[in-house]
Each structure stands twice: as C-alpha cells, then as structure tokens.
Amino acid sequence: MAIIVNLDVMLAKRKMSVTELSERVGITMANISILKNGKAKAIRFSTLEAICEALDCQPGDILEYRRDLDSIDT
C-alpha cells in the first residue's frame, strides 16, 4: 500500500512556494518539505485542513492511494 503526496503538484498549480505555504499554514518549512517529499508518517487533520484552505483544494488533490503491485497475489 502506498499513499502518494502530491503537494508539489498543487504548489506548482497554485504558483506558491514552500515558504509561502509554510507561512500561511503556520508550520515549519522543514515539516512541509517532509510532507512534500513523502517522508511523513502521519498528518493531522488540522494541518491537512489548513493546507487545503491555503491551496484552495480538496484532500484528494494532495493525497492519493496507489496499490503496491508487489503485494498483489499472482
């Protein structure tokens, strides 16, 4: 199972920098980068809500589920 974080895509669509998103959301650039690079193990709903508000998007625009092909029985 893999959850893909498309934060970089949304930042590009909105022409917004990590610095600007960090300021709008109120979390550090380091934490935004961890999330953006798919290294985060969890995200608080309040943080996800703030990101969605700042980027004017839905959670599904940022998070995507992709089935891990290695785990499918053949």
Protein backbone atom coordinates (compact mmCIF):
# COMPACT_ATOMS: atom_id res chain seq x y z
CA MET A 1 0.00 0.00 0.00
CA ALA A 2 1.29 3.43 -0.84
CA ILE A 3 -0.04 6.87 -0.10
CA ILE A 4 1.36 9.39 -2.56
CA VAL A 5 1.61 13.04 -1.54
CA ASN A 6 1.04 15.38 -4.49
CA LEU A 7 1.78 18.57 -2.57
CA ASP A 8 4.45 19.63 -5.06
CA VAL A 9 1.88 19.37 -7.87
CA MET A 10 -0.60 21.57 -6.01
CA LEU A 11 2.09 24.10 -5.13
CA ALA A 12 3.04 24.33 -8.81
CA LYS A 13 -0.61 24.67 -9.91
CA ARG A 14 -1.12 27.49 -7.41
CA LYS A 15 2.29 29.03 -8.18
CA MET A 16 3.08 29.01 -4.48
CA SER A 17 6.43 28.39 -2.80
CA VAL A 18 7.06 26.11 0.17
CA THR A 19 7.97 29.25 2.12
CA GLU A 20 4.63 30.91 1.37
CA LEU A 21 2.66 27.75 2.21
CA SER A 22 4.62 27.38 5.44
CA GLU A 23 3.74 30.94 6.46
CA ARG A 24 0.06 30.54 5.55
CA VAL A 25 -0.33 27.20 7.32
CA GLY A 26 1.83 28.03 10.34
CA ILE A 27 4.17 25.03 10.22
CA THR A 28 7.88 24.93 9.51
CA MET A 29 9.34 24.69 6.02
CA ALA A 30 11.10 21.53 7.19
CA ASN A 31 7.77 19.89 8.02
CA ILE A 32 6.26 21.00 4.69
CA SER A 33 9.30 19.51 2.93
CA ILE A 34 8.96 16.22 4.83
CA LEU A 35 5.33 16.03 3.75
CA LYS A 36 6.09 17.12 0.18
CA ASN A 37 8.82 14.50 -0.20
CA GLY A 38 6.59 11.69 1.04
CA LYS A 39 8.66 11.12 4.19
CA ALA A 40 5.87 11.92 6.67
CA LYS A 41 4.39 9.03 8.64
CA ALA A 42 1.23 10.95 9.57
CA ILE A 43 -0.57 14.25 9.11
CA ARG A 44 -3.01 15.91 11.49
CA PHE A 45 -6.42 16.70 10.08
CA SER A 46 -5.98 20.28 11.28
CA THR A 47 -2.78 20.56 9.23
CA LEU A 48 -4.41 18.96 6.19
CA GLU A 49 -7.34 21.36 6.56
CA ALA A 50 -5.02 24.37 6.74
CA ILE A 51 -3.08 23.20 3.66
CA CYS A 52 -6.32 22.68 1.73
CA GLU A 53 -7.52 26.14 2.74
CA ALA A 54 -4.23 27.77 1.72
CA LEU A 55 -4.15 25.94 -1.63
CA ASP A 56 -7.93 26.11 -2.23
CA CYS A 57 -8.13 22.37 -2.87
CA GLN A 58 -9.56 19.11 -1.55
CA PRO A 59 -7.61 16.49 0.47
CA GLY A 60 -7.84 14.16 -2.55
CA ASP A 61 -5.91 16.73 -4.59
CA ILE A 62 -2.99 16.27 -2.20
CA LEU A 63 -3.22 12.62 -1.13
CA GLU A 64 -3.52 9.65 -3.48
CA TYR A 65 -3.67 5.92 -2.83
CA ARG A 66 -1.79 3.56 -5.13
CA ARG A 67 -1.89 -0.16 -4.66
CA ASP A 68 1.54 -1.69 -4.10
CA LEU A 69 1.92 -4.08 -7.01
CA ASP A 70 4.35 -6.24 -5.01
CA SER A 71 1.59 -7.17 -2.58
CA ILE A 72 -0.84 -8.45 -5.22
CA ASP A 73 -1.08 -12.24 -5.35
CA THR A 74 -0.41 -13.66 -8.81
